[in-house]
Amino acid sequence: MIASGQEAGPIRAATGAGFSIVCPGIRPGGPVGDDQKRTVGVVQAFADGADAIVVGRPIRHASDPQAAARAIQQEIATLWPRAEPARRRSRRHHERHPVACGMRSHLCLLL
């Protein structure tokens, strides 16, 4: 299910662990007061039950998008230290989940 990070907690409580929640509108460091009203930070999204996050504008609008993406990956990595290191993955890998993702089993980014 795609849901705001603000809704991830109640959805997770109602559905349990076998239900996938993807949260868009993620802002590193938390909400910044832009035009999107229901944003949360990376850590908060995962703490509330997100399985994957979608980060667009903070990367796209950064002066160095790759550095911004790496910083977000590092933030995710602190949550699951055993996660496989971030690296470029093949197109075939992303056919299974074709968005930039921070999934619990691995960290990857399609640039």
PDB file of N, CA and C in Angstrom:
ATOM      1  N   MET A   1       0.841  -1.166   0.000  1.00  0.00           N
ATOM      2  CA  MET A   1       0.000   0.000   0.000  1.00  0.00           C
ATOM      3  C   MET A   1       0.891   1.235   0.000  1.00  0.00           C
ATOM      4  N   ILE A   2       0.505   2.243  -0.747  1.00  0.00           N
ATOM      5  CA  ILE A   2       1.208   3.523  -0.729  1.00  0.00           C
ATOM      6  C   ILE A   2       0.455   4.434   0.222  1.00  0.00           C
ATOM      7  N   ALA A   3       1.168   4.960   1.213  1.00  0.00           N
ATOM      8  CA  ALA A   3       0.527   5.788   2.232  1.00  0.00           C
ATOM      9  C   ALA A   3       1.515   6.805   2.773  1.00  0.00           C
ATOM     10  N   SER A   4       0.997   7.917   3.216  1.00  0.00           N
ATOM     11  CA  SER A   4       1.806   8.935   3.869  1.00  0.00           C
ATOM     12  C   SER A   4       2.530   8.323   5.062  1.00  0.00           C
ATOM     13  N   GLY A   5       3.717   8.826   5.353  1.00  0.00           N
ATOM     14  CA  GLY A   5       4.434   8.380   6.536  1.00  0.00           C
ATOM     15  C   GLY A   5       3.637   8.622   7.807  1.00  0.00           C
ATOM     16  N   GLN A   6       2.785   9.621   7.793  1.00  0.00           N
ATOM     17  CA  GLN A   6       1.945   9.896   8.952  1.00  0.00           C
ATOM     18  C   GLN A   6       0.888   8.819   9.154  1.00  0.00           C
ATOM     19  N   GLU A   7       0.573   8.088   8.116  1.00  0.00           N
ATOM     20  CA  GLU A   7      -0.436   7.028   8.196  1.00  0.00           C
ATOM     21  C   GLU A   7       0.176   5.644   8.378  1.00  0.00           C
ATOM     22  N   ALA A   8       1.486   5.529   8.259  1.00  0.00           N
ATOM     23  CA  ALA A   8       2.141   4.215   8.313  1.00  0.00           C
ATOM     24  C   ALA A   8       1.916   3.512   9.644  1.00  0.00           C
ATOM     25  N   GLY A   9       2.003   4.223  10.739  1.00  0.00           N
ATOM     26  CA  GLY A   9       1.834   3.611  12.064  1.00  0.00           C
ATOM     27  C   GLY A   9       0.474   2.965  12.249  1.00  0.00           C
ATOM     28  N   PRO A  10      -0.615   3.709  12.035  1.00  0.00           N
ATOM     29  CA  PRO A  10      -1.937   3.088  12.185  1.00  0.00           C
ATOM     30  C   PRO A  10      -2.185   1.945  11.196  1.00  0.00           C
ATOM     31  N   ILE A  11      -1.652   2.082   9.975  1.00  0.00           N
ATOM     32  CA  ILE A  11      -1.823   1.002   8.998  1.00  0.00           C
ATOM     33  C   ILE A  11      -1.068  -0.240   9.450  1.00  0.00           C
ATOM     34  N   ARG A  12       0.165  -0.056   9.902  1.00  0.00           N
ATOM     35  CA  ARG A  12       0.969  -1.192  10.378  1.00  0.00           C
ATOM     36  C   ARG A  12       0.280  -1.862  11.568  1.00  0.00           C
ATOM     37  N   ALA A  13      -0.257  -1.070  12.485  1.00  0.00           N
ATOM     38  CA  ALA A  13      -0.946  -1.633  13.650  1.00  0.00           C
ATOM     39  C   ALA A  13      -2.153  -2.460  13.230  1.00  0.00           C
ATOM     40  N   ALA A  14      -2.839  -2.029  12.195  1.00  0.00           N
ATOM     41  CA  ALA A  14      -4.040  -2.727  11.741  1.00  0.00           C
ATOM     42  C   ALA A  14      -3.741  -3.953  10.884  1.00  0.00           C
ATOM     43  N   THR A  15      -2.599  -3.952  10.191  1.00  0.00           N
ATOM     44  CA  THR A  15      -2.338  -5.018   9.228  1.00  0.00           C
ATOM     45  C   THR A  15      -1.280  -6.011   9.654  1.00  0.00           C
ATOM     46  N   GLY A  16      -0.357  -5.614  10.488  1.00  0.00           N
ATOM     47  CA  GLY A  16       0.725  -6.503  10.892  1.00  0.00           C
ATOM     48  C   GLY A  16       1.879  -6.506   9.907  1.00  0.00           C
ATOM     49  N   ALA A  17       2.819  -7.398  10.160  1.00  0.00           N
ATOM     50  CA  ALA A  17       4.076  -7.405   9.412  1.00  0.00           C
ATOM     51  C   ALA A  17       3.969  -7.937   7.988  1.00  0.00           C
ATOM     52  N   GLY A  18       2.946  -8.668   7.648  1.00  0.00           N
ATOM     53  CA  GLY A  18       2.868  -9.269   6.318  1.00  0.00           C
ATOM     54  C   GLY A  18       2.329  -8.360   5.245  1.00  0.00           C
ATOM     55  N   PHE A  19       2.166  -7.086   5.539  1.00  0.00           N
ATOM     56  CA  PHE A  19       1.565  -6.128   4.630  1.00  0.00           C
ATOM     57  C   PHE A  19       2.608  -5.080   4.267  1.00  0.00           C
ATOM     58  N   SER A  20       2.831  -4.817   2.993  1.00  0.00           N
ATOM     59  CA  SER A  20       3.878  -3.893   2.555  1.00  0.00           C
ATOM     60  C   SER A  20       3.359  -2.450   2.490  1.00  0.00           C
ATOM     61  N   ILE A  21       4.102  -1.549   3.117  1.00  0.00           N
ATOM     62  CA  ILE A  21       3.752  -0.122   3.124  1.00  0.00           C
ATOM     63  C   ILE A  21       4.892   0.672   2.499  1.00  0.00           C
ATOM     64  N   VAL A  22       4.578   1.452   1.472  1.00  0.00           N
ATOM     65  CA  VAL A  22       5.537   2.325   0.793  1.00  0.00           C
ATOM     66  C   VAL A  22       5.131   3.763   1.085  1.00  0.00           C
ATOM     67  N   CYS A  23       6.074   4.548   1.589  1.00  0.00           N
ATOM     68  CA  CYS A  23       5.773   5.931   1.965  1.00  0.00           C
ATOM     69  C   CYS A  23       6.508   6.927   1.070  1.00  0.00           C
ATOM     70  N   PRO A  24       5.767   7.716   0.300  1.00  0.00           N
ATOM     71  CA  PRO A  24       6.374   8.800  -0.484  1.00  0.00           C
ATOM     72  C   PRO A  24       6.459  10.073   0.354  1.00  0.00           C
ATOM     73  N   GLY A  25       7.065  11.101  -0.201  1.00  0.00           N
ATOM     74  CA  GLY A  25       7.118  12.400   0.480  1.00  0.00           C
ATOM     75  C   GLY A  25       8.062  12.406   1.660  1.00  0.00           C
ATOM     76  N   ILE A  26       9.125  11.622   1.604  1.00  0.00           N
ATOM     77  CA  ILE A  26      10.059  11.537   2.721  1.00  0.00           C
ATOM     78  C   ILE A  26      11.061  12.686   2.630  1.00  0.00           C
ATOM     79  N   ARG A  27      11.319  13.307   3.756  1.00  0.00           N
ATOM     80  CA  ARG A  27      12.261  14.420   3.843  1.00  0.00           C
ATOM     81  C   ARG A  27      13.355  14.076   4.840  1.00  0.00           C
ATOM     82  N   PRO A  28      14.616  14.059   4.406  1.00  0.00           N
ATOM     83  CA  PRO A  28      15.711  13.814   5.349  1.00  0.00           C
ATOM     84  C   PRO A  28      15.650  14.843   6.473  1.00  0.00           C
ATOM     85  N   GLY A  29      15.728  14.377   7.686  1.00  0.00           N
ATOM     86  CA  GLY A  29      15.668  15.286   8.823  1.00  0.00           C
ATOM     87  C   GLY A  29      14.253  15.684   9.208  1.00  0.00           C
ATOM     88  N   GLY A  30      13.252  15.238   8.488  1.00  0.00           N
ATOM     89  CA  GLY A  30      11.871  15.532   8.834  1.00  0.00           C
ATOM     90  C   GLY A  30      11.252  16.594   7.954  1.00  0.00           C
ATOM     91  N   PRO A  31       9.987  16.943   8.235  1.00  0.00           N
ATOM     92  CA  PRO A  31       9.261  17.917   7.416  1.00  0.00           C
ATOM     93  C   PRO A  31       9.981  19.266   7.347  1.00  0.00           C
ATOM     94  N   VAL A  32       9.888  19.906   6.180  1.00  0.00           N
ATOM     95  CA  VAL A  32      10.573  21.188   5.979  1.00  0.00           C
ATOM     96  C   VAL A  32       9.630  22.328   5.628  1.00  0.00           C
ATOM     97  N   GLY A  33       8.344  22.086   5.614  1.00  0.00           N
ATOM     98  CA  GLY A  33       7.399  23.151   5.343  1.00  0.00           C
ATOM     99  C   GLY A  33       7.248  23.510   3.877  1.00  0.00           C
ATOM    100  N   ASP A  34       7.457  22.542   2.980  1.00  0.00           N
ATOM    101  CA  ASP A  34       7.252  22.823   1.560  1.00  0.00           C
ATOM    102  C   ASP A  34       5.783  22.598   1.204  1.00  0.00           C
ATOM    103  N   ASP A  35       5.476  22.443  -0.069  1.00  0.00           N
ATOM    104  CA  ASP A  35       4.077  22.346  -0.480  1.00  0.00           C
ATOM    105  C   ASP A  35       3.421  21.004  -0.151  1.00  0.00           C
ATOM    106  N   GLN A  36       4.198  20.002   0.223  1.00  0.00           N
ATOM    107  CA  GLN A  36       3.607  18.733   0.636  1.00  0.00           C
ATOM    108  C   GLN A  36       3.347  18.788   2.137  1.00  0.00           C
ATOM    109  N   LYS A  37       2.144  18.462   2.525  1.00  0.00           N
ATOM    110  CA  LYS A  37       1.726  18.636   3.916  1.00  0.00           C
ATOM    111  C   LYS A  37       1.958  17.425   4.806  1.00  0.00           C
ATOM    112  N   ARG A  38       2.011  16.228   4.240  1.00  0.00           N
ATOM    113  CA  ARG A  38       2.074  15.017   5.061  1.00  0.00           C
ATOM    114  C   ARG A  38       3.413  14.315   4.904  1.00  0.00           C
ATOM    115  N   THR A  39       4.482  15.048   5.114  1.00  0.00           N
ATOM    116  CA  THR A  39       5.816  14.475   4.996  1.00  0.00           C
ATOM    117  C   THR A  39       6.339  14.062   6.366  1.00  0.00           C
ATOM    118  N   VAL A  40       7.252  13.119   6.366  1.00  0.00           N
ATOM    119  CA  VAL A  40       7.959  12.707   7.580  1.00  0.00           C
ATOM    120  C   VAL A  40       9.409  12.458   7.207  1.00  0.00           C
ATOM    121  N   GLY A  41      10.243  12.296   8.205  1.00  0.00           N
ATOM    122  CA  GLY A  41      11.647  11.999   7.982  1.00  0.00           C
ATOM    123  C   GLY A  41      11.880  10.522   7.713  1.00  0.00           C
ATOM    124  N   VAL A  42      13.080  10.214   7.282  1.00  0.00           N
ATOM    125  CA  VAL A  42      13.466   8.842   6.955  1.00  0.00           C
ATOM    126  C   VAL A  42      13.294   7.931   8.162  1.00  0.00           C
ATOM    127  N   VAL A  43      13.888   8.316   9.284  1.00  0.00           N
ATOM    128  CA  VAL A  43      13.846   7.491  10.487  1.00  0.00           C
ATOM    129  C   VAL A  43      12.406   7.300  10.959  1.00  0.00           C
ATOM    130  N   GLN A  44      11.624   8.367  10.959  1.00  0.00           N
ATOM    131  CA  GLN A  44      10.237   8.284  11.415  1.00  0.00           C
ATOM    132  C   GLN A  44       9.413   7.345  10.540  1.00  0.00           C
ATOM    133  N   ALA A  45       9.594   7.417   9.237  1.00  0.00           N
ATOM    134  CA  ALA A  45       8.838   6.548   8.331  1.00  0.00           C
ATOM    135  C   ALA A  45       9.076   5.077   8.648  1.00  0.00           C
ATOM    136  N   PHE A  46      10.345   4.701   8.793  1.00  0.00           N
ATOM    137  CA  PHE A  46      10.646   3.303   9.092  1.00  0.00           C
ATOM    138  C   PHE A  46      10.224   2.926  10.508  1.00  0.00           C
ATOM    139  N   ALA A  47      10.383   3.841  11.455  1.00  0.00           N
ATOM    140  CA  ALA A  47       9.962   3.567  12.830  1.00  0.00           C
ATOM    141  C   ALA A  47       8.460   3.309  12.907  1.00  0.00           C
ATOM    142  N   ASP A  48       7.711   3.981  12.057  1.00  0.00           N
ATOM    143  CA  ASP A  48       6.256   3.826  12.067  1.00  0.00           C
ATOM    144  C   ASP A  48       5.753   2.658  11.228  1.00  0.00           C
ATOM    145  N   GLY A  49       6.673   1.941  10.559  1.00  0.00           N
ATOM    146  CA  GLY A  49       6.258   0.728   9.876  1.00  0.00           C
ATOM    147  C   GLY A  49       6.411   0.694   8.373  1.00  0.00           C
ATOM    148  N   ALA A  50       7.018   1.705   7.769  1.00  0.00           N
ATOM    149  CA  ALA A  50       7.228   1.667   6.318  1.00  0.00           C
ATOM    150  C   ALA A  50       8.194   0.540   5.961  1.00  0.00           C
ATOM    151  N   ASP A  51       7.917  -0.130   4.847  1.00  0.00           N
ATOM    152  CA  ASP A  51       8.834  -1.138   4.322  1.00  0.00           C
ATOM    153  C   ASP A  51       9.772  -0.535   3.287  1.00  0.00           C
ATOM    154  N   ALA A  52       9.324   0.507   2.621  1.00  0.00           N
ATOM    155  CA  ALA A  52      10.122   1.193   1.607  1.00  0.00           C
ATOM    156  C   ALA A  52       9.702   2.657   1.607  1.00  0.00           C
ATOM    157  N   ILE A  53      10.614   3.507   1.187  1.00  0.00           N
ATOM    158  CA  ILE A  53      10.329   4.942   1.113  1.00  0.00           C
ATOM    159  C   ILE A  53      10.604   5.456  -0.290  1.00  0.00           C
ATOM    160  N   VAL A  54       9.978   6.568  -0.625  1.00  0.00           N
ATOM    161  CA  VAL A  54      10.209   7.234  -1.898  1.00  0.00           C
ATOM    162  C   VAL A  54      10.672   8.644  -1.576  1.00  0.00           C
ATOM    163  N   VAL A  55      11.867   8.974  -2.039  1.00  0.00           N
ATOM    164  CA  VAL A  55      12.439  10.294  -1.813  1.00  0.00           C
ATOM    165  C   VAL A  55      12.674  10.923  -3.177  1.00  0.00           C
ATOM    166  N   GLY A  56      12.002  12.003  -3.477  1.00  0.00           N
ATOM    167  CA  GLY A  56      12.143  12.634  -4.786  1.00  0.00           C
ATOM    168  C   GLY A  56      12.790  13.999  -4.711  1.00  0.00           C
ATOM    169  N   ARG A  57      12.034  14.981  -4.264  1.00  0.00           N
ATOM    170  CA  ARG A  57      12.484  16.376  -4.296  1.00  0.00           C
ATOM    171  C   ARG A  57      13.784  16.642  -3.548  1.00  0.00           C
ATOM    172  N   PRO A  58      14.001  16.076  -2.368  1.00  0.00           N
ATOM    173  CA  PRO A  58      15.267  16.363  -1.688  1.00  0.00           C
ATOM    174  C   PRO A  58      16.488  15.930  -2.482  1.00  0.00           C
ATOM    175  N   ILE A  59      16.330  14.930  -3.347  1.00  0.00           N
ATOM    176  CA  ILE A  59      17.433  14.506  -4.208  1.00  0.00           C
ATOM    177  C   ILE A  59      17.444  15.333  -5.478  1.00  0.00           C
ATOM    178  N   ARG A  60      16.287  15.438  -6.106  1.00  0.00           N
ATOM    179  CA  ARG A  60      16.194  16.153  -7.387  1.00  0.00           C
ATOM    180  C   ARG A  60      16.585  17.623  -7.254  1.00  0.00           C
ATOM    181  N   HIS A  61      16.228  18.266  -6.165  1.00  0.00           N
ATOM    182  CA  HIS A  61      16.506  19.695  -5.996  1.00  0.00           C
ATOM    183  C   HIS A  61      17.859  19.991  -5.345  1.00  0.00           C
ATOM    184  N   ALA A  62      18.582  18.973  -4.959  1.00  0.00           N
ATOM    185  CA  ALA A  62      19.883  19.176  -4.311  1.00  0.00           C
ATOM    186  C   ALA A  62      20.915  19.677  -5.315  1.00  0.00           C
ATOM    187  N   SER A  63      21.857  20.460  -4.836  1.00  0.00           N
ATOM    188  CA  SER A  63      22.927  20.925  -5.722  1.00  0.00           C
ATOM    189  C   SER A  63      23.807  19.758  -6.164  1.00  0.00           C
ATOM    190  N   ASP A  64      23.901  18.723  -5.337  1.00  0.00           N
ATOM    191  CA  ASP A  64      24.627  17.498  -5.682  1.00  0.00           C
ATOM    192  C   ASP A  64      23.700  16.314  -5.395  1.00  0.00           C
ATOM    193  N   PRO A  65      22.874  15.913  -6.368  1.00  0.00           N
ATOM    194  CA  PRO A  65      21.893  14.841  -6.135  1.00  0.00           C
ATOM    195  C   PRO A  65      22.498  13.525  -5.663  1.00  0.00           C
ATOM    196  N   GLN A  66      23.665  13.161  -6.204  1.00  0.00           N
ATOM    197  CA  GLN A  66      24.274  11.904  -5.766  1.00  0.00           C
ATOM    198  C   GLN A  66      24.678  11.970  -4.299  1.00  0.00           C
ATOM    199  N   ALA A  67      25.221  13.087  -3.884  1.00  0.00           N
ATOM    200  CA  ALA A  67      25.604  13.240  -2.477  1.00  0.00           C
ATOM    201  C   ALA A  67      24.368  13.213  -1.578  1.00  0.00           C
ATOM    202  N   ALA A  68      23.287  13.836  -2.024  1.00  0.00           N
ATOM    203  CA  ALA A  68      22.038  13.821  -1.250  1.00  0.00           C
ATOM    204  C   ALA A  68      21.507  12.397  -1.126  1.00  0.00           C
ATOM    205  N   ALA A  69      21.546  11.646  -2.215  1.00  0.00           N
ATOM    206  CA  ALA A  69      21.080  10.260  -2.194  1.00  0.00           C
ATOM    207  C   ALA A  69      21.948   9.409  -1.279  1.00  0.00           C
ATOM    208  N   ARG A  70      23.245   9.600  -1.346  1.00  0.00           N
ATOM    209  CA  ARG A  70      24.150   8.837  -0.468  1.00  0.00           C
ATOM    210  C   ARG A  70      23.899   9.161   1.001  1.00  0.00           C
ATOM    211  N   ALA A  71      23.637  10.422   1.317  1.00  0.00           N
ATOM    212  CA  ALA A  71      23.358  10.809   2.703  1.00  0.00           C
ATOM    213  C   ALA A  71      22.091  10.121   3.215  1.00  0.00           C
ATOM    214  N   ILE A  72      21.089  10.031   2.356  1.00  0.00           N
ATOM    215  CA  ILE A  72      19.851   9.347   2.741  1.00  0.00           C
ATOM    216  C   ILE A  72      20.116   7.858   2.935  1.00  0.00           C
ATOM    217  N   GLN A  73      20.914   7.267   2.053  1.00  0.00           N
ATOM    218  CA  GLN A  73      21.258   5.857   2.206  1.00  0.00           C
ATOM    219  C   GLN A  73      22.002   5.623   3.524  1.00  0.00           C
ATOM    220  N   GLN A  74      22.888   6.543   3.873  1.00  0.00           N
ATOM    221  CA  GLN A  74      23.613   6.408   5.137  1.00  0.00           C
ATOM    222  C   GLN A  74      22.659   6.497   6.325  1.00  0.00           C
ATOM    223  N   GLU A  75      21.683   7.376   6.232  1.00  0.00           N
ATOM    224  CA  GLU A  75      20.690   7.492   7.294  1.00  0.00           C
ATOM    225  C   GLU A  75      19.908   6.184   7.437  1.00  0.00           C
ATOM    226  N   ILE A  76      19.543   5.585   6.317  1.00  0.00           N
ATOM    227  CA  ILE A  76      18.840   4.303   6.346  1.00  0.00           C
ATOM    228  C   ILE A  76      19.749   3.223   6.927  1.00  0.00           C
ATOM    229  N   ALA A  77      20.999   3.225   6.532  1.00  0.00           N
ATOM    230  CA  ALA A  77      21.939   2.200   6.987  1.00  0.00           C
ATOM    231  C   ALA A  77      22.108   2.207   8.500  1.00  0.00           C
ATOM    232  N   THR A  78      21.948   3.361   9.139  1.00  0.00           N
ATOM    233  CA  THR A  78      22.077   3.412  10.601  1.00  0.00           C
ATOM    234  C   THR A  78      20.931   2.660  11.277  1.00  0.00           C
ATOM    235  N   LEU A  79      19.817   2.500  10.577  1.00  0.00           N
ATOM    236  CA  LEU A  79      18.674   1.797  11.154  1.00  0.00           C
ATOM    237  C   LEU A  79      18.857   0.290  11.115  1.00  0.00           C
ATOM    238  N   TRP A  80      19.522  -0.214  10.070  1.00  0.00           N
ATOM    239  CA  TRP A  80      19.754  -1.646   9.903  1.00  0.00           C
ATOM    240  C   TRP A  80      21.220  -1.861   9.557  1.00  0.00           C
ATOM    241  N   PRO A  81      22.092  -1.862  10.556  1.00  0.00           N
ATOM    242  CA  PRO A  81      23.540  -1.969  10.287  1.00  0.00           C
ATOM    243  C   PRO A  81      23.937  -3.219   9.522  1.00  0.00           C
ATOM    244  N   ARG A  82      23.140  -4.280   9.563  1.00  0.00           N
ATOM    245  CA  ARG A  82      23.488  -5.507   8.849  1.00  0.00           C
ATOM    246  C   ARG A  82      23.038  -5.476   7.398  1.00  0.00           C
ATOM    247  N   ALA A  83      22.355  -4.420   6.982  1.00  0.00           N
ATOM    248  CA  ALA A  83      21.879  -4.344   5.592  1.00  0.00           C
ATOM    249  C   ALA A  83      23.063  -4.348   4.643  1.00  0.00           C
ATOM    250  N   GLU A  84      22.875  -4.953   3.526  1.00  0.00           N
ATOM    251  CA  GLU A  84      23.881  -5.000   2.476  1.00  0.00           C
ATOM    252  C   GLU A  84      24.245  -3.572   2.074  1.00  0.00           C
ATOM    253  N   PRO A  85      25.511  -3.263   1.828  1.00  0.00           N
ATOM    254  CA  PRO A  85      25.894  -1.896   1.462  1.00  0.00           C
ATOM    255  C   PRO A  85      25.199  -1.402   0.194  1.00  0.00           C
ATOM    256  N   ALA A  86      24.989  -0.101   0.148  1.00  0.00           N
ATOM    257  CA  ALA A  86      24.367   0.501  -1.040  1.00  0.00           C
ATOM    258  C   ALA A  86      25.285   0.334  -2.238  1.00  0.00           C
ATOM    259  N   ARG A  87      24.702   0.001  -3.378  1.00  0.00           N
ATOM    260  CA  ARG A  87      25.472  -0.102  -4.608  1.00  0.00           C
ATOM    261  C   ARG A  87      24.513  -0.022  -5.781  1.00  0.00           C
ATOM    262  N   ARG A  88      25.060   0.281  -6.918  1.00  0.00           N
ATOM    263  CA  ARG A  88      24.230   0.297  -8.130  1.00  0.00           C
ATOM    264  C   ARG A  88      23.784  -1.117  -8.433  1.00  0.00           C
ATOM    265  N   ARG A  89      22.560  -1.244  -8.830  1.00  0.00           N
ATOM    266  CA  ARG A  89      22.018  -2.549  -9.148  1.00  0.00           C
ATOM    267  C   ARG A  89      21.558  -2.550 -10.595  1.00  0.00           C
ATOM    268  N   SER A  90      21.388  -3.727 -11.109  1.00  0.00           N
ATOM    269  CA  SER A  90      21.018  -3.870 -12.505  1.00  0.00           C
ATOM    270  C   SER A  90      19.577  -3.436 -12.745  1.00  0.00           C
ATOM    271  N   ARG A  91      19.268  -3.145 -13.993  1.00  0.00           N
ATOM    272  CA  ARG A  91      17.880  -2.853 -14.375  1.00  0.00           C
ATOM    273  C   ARG A  91      16.982  -4.035 -14.032  1.00  0.00           C
ATOM    274  N   ARG A  92      17.504  -5.251 -14.203  1.00  0.00           N
ATOM    275  CA  ARG A  92      16.714  -6.441 -13.910  1.00  0.00           C
ATOM    276  C   ARG A  92      16.283  -6.446 -12.438  1.00  0.00           C
ATOM    277  N   HIS A  93      17.184  -6.075 -11.550  1.00  0.00           N
ATOM    278  CA  HIS A  93      16.844  -5.982 -10.126  1.00  0.00           C
ATOM    279  C   HIS A  93      15.675  -5.025  -9.926  1.00  0.00           C
ATOM    280  N   HIS A  94      15.702  -3.899 -10.604  1.00  0.00           N
ATOM    281  CA  HIS A  94      14.674  -2.889 -10.411  1.00  0.00           C
ATOM    282  C   HIS A  94      13.377  -3.178 -11.156  1.00  0.00           C
ATOM    283  N   GLU A  95      13.364  -4.203 -11.989  1.00  0.00           N
ATOM    284  CA  GLU A  95      12.098  -4.622 -12.577  1.00  0.00           C
ATOM    285  C   GLU A  95      11.197  -5.199 -11.490  1.00  0.00           C
ATOM    286  N   ARG A  96      11.803  -5.704 -10.426  1.00  0.00           N
ATOM    287  CA  ARG A  96      11.017  -6.250  -9.324  1.00  0.00           C
ATOM    288  C   ARG A  96      10.460  -5.137  -8.427  1.00  0.00           C
ATOM    289  N   HIS A  97      11.188  -4.065  -8.247  1.00  0.00           N
ATOM    290  CA  HIS A  97      10.713  -2.892  -7.513  1.00  0.00           C
ATOM    291  C   HIS A  97      11.430  -1.679  -8.101  1.00  0.00           C
ATOM    292  N   PRO A  98      10.784  -1.017  -9.075  1.00  0.00           N
ATOM    293  CA  PRO A  98      11.456  -0.057  -9.940  1.00  0.00           C
ATOM    294  C   PRO A  98      11.583   1.373  -9.402  1.00  0.00           C
ATOM    295  N   VAL A  99      11.660   1.549  -8.105  1.00  0.00           N
ATOM    296  CA  VAL A  99      11.833   2.891  -7.556  1.00  0.00           C
ATOM    297  C   VAL A  99      13.070   2.906  -6.691  1.00  0.00           C
ATOM    298  N   ALA A 100      13.564   4.078  -6.403  1.00  0.00           N
ATOM    299  CA  ALA A 100      14.636   4.166  -5.423  1.00  0.00           C
ATOM    300  C   ALA A 100      14.089   3.559  -4.144  1.00  0.00           C
ATOM    301  N   CYS A 101      14.834   2.683  -3.524  1.00  0.00           N
ATOM    302  CA  CYS A 101      14.248   1.990  -2.380  1.00  0.00           C
ATOM    303  C   CYS A 101      15.237   1.878  -1.240  1.00  0.00           C
ATOM    304  N   GLY A 102      14.696   1.799  -0.073  1.00  0.00           N
ATOM    305  CA  GLY A 102      15.448   1.522   1.140  1.00  0.00           C
ATOM    306  C   GLY A 102      14.766   0.356   1.820  1.00  0.00           C
ATOM    307  N   MET A 103      14.866  -0.793   1.213  1.00  0.00           N
ATOM    308  CA  MET A 103      14.182  -1.963   1.763  1.00  0.00           C
ATOM    309  C   MET A 103      15.046  -2.575   2.854  1.00  0.00           C
ATOM    310  N   ARG A 104      14.432  -3.268   3.770  1.00  0.00           N
ATOM    311  CA  ARG A 104      15.145  -3.800   4.917  1.00  0.00           C
ATOM    312  C   ARG A 104      16.194  -4.839   4.548  1.00  0.00           C
ATOM    313  N   SER A 105      16.031  -5.517   3.445  1.00  0.00           N
ATOM    314  CA  SER A 105      16.994  -6.553   3.076  1.00  0.00           C
ATOM    315  C   SER A 105      18.212  -5.982   2.357  1.00  0.00           C
ATOM    316  N   HIS A 106      18.096  -4.812   1.816  1.00  0.00           N
ATOM    317  CA  HIS A 106      19.196  -4.184   1.104  1.00  0.00           C
ATOM    318  C   HIS A 106      18.911  -2.695   0.920  1.00  0.00           C
ATOM    319  N   LEU A 107      19.914  -1.980   0.519  1.00  0.00           N
ATOM    320  CA  LEU A 107      19.768  -0.563   0.230  1.00  0.00           C
ATOM    321  C   LEU A 107      20.183  -0.342  -1.210  1.00  0.00           C
ATOM    322  N   CYS A 108      19.348   0.276  -2.001  1.00  0.00           N
ATOM    323  CA  CYS A 108      19.750   0.520  -3.380  1.00  0.00           C
ATOM    324  C   CYS A 108      19.127   1.820  -3.880  1.00  0.00           C
ATOM    325  N   LEU A 109      19.671   2.295  -4.971  1.00  0.00           N
ATOM    326  CA  LEU A 109      19.195   3.533  -5.548  1.00  0.00           C
ATOM    327  C   LEU A 109      19.403   3.462  -7.035  1.00  0.00           C
ATOM    328  N   LEU A 110      18.353   3.732  -7.782  1.00  0.00           N
ATOM    329  CA  LEU A 110      18.448   3.755  -9.235  1.00  0.00           C
ATOM    330  C   LEU A 110      18.609   5.208  -9.637  1.00  0.00           C
ATOM    331  N   LEU A 111      19.792   5.550 -10.126  1.00  0.00           N
ATOM    332  CA  LEU A 111      20.060   6.947 -10.520  1.00  0.00           C
ATOM    333  C   LEU A 111      20.067   7.078 -12.014  1.00  0.00           C
TER     334      LEU A 111
END
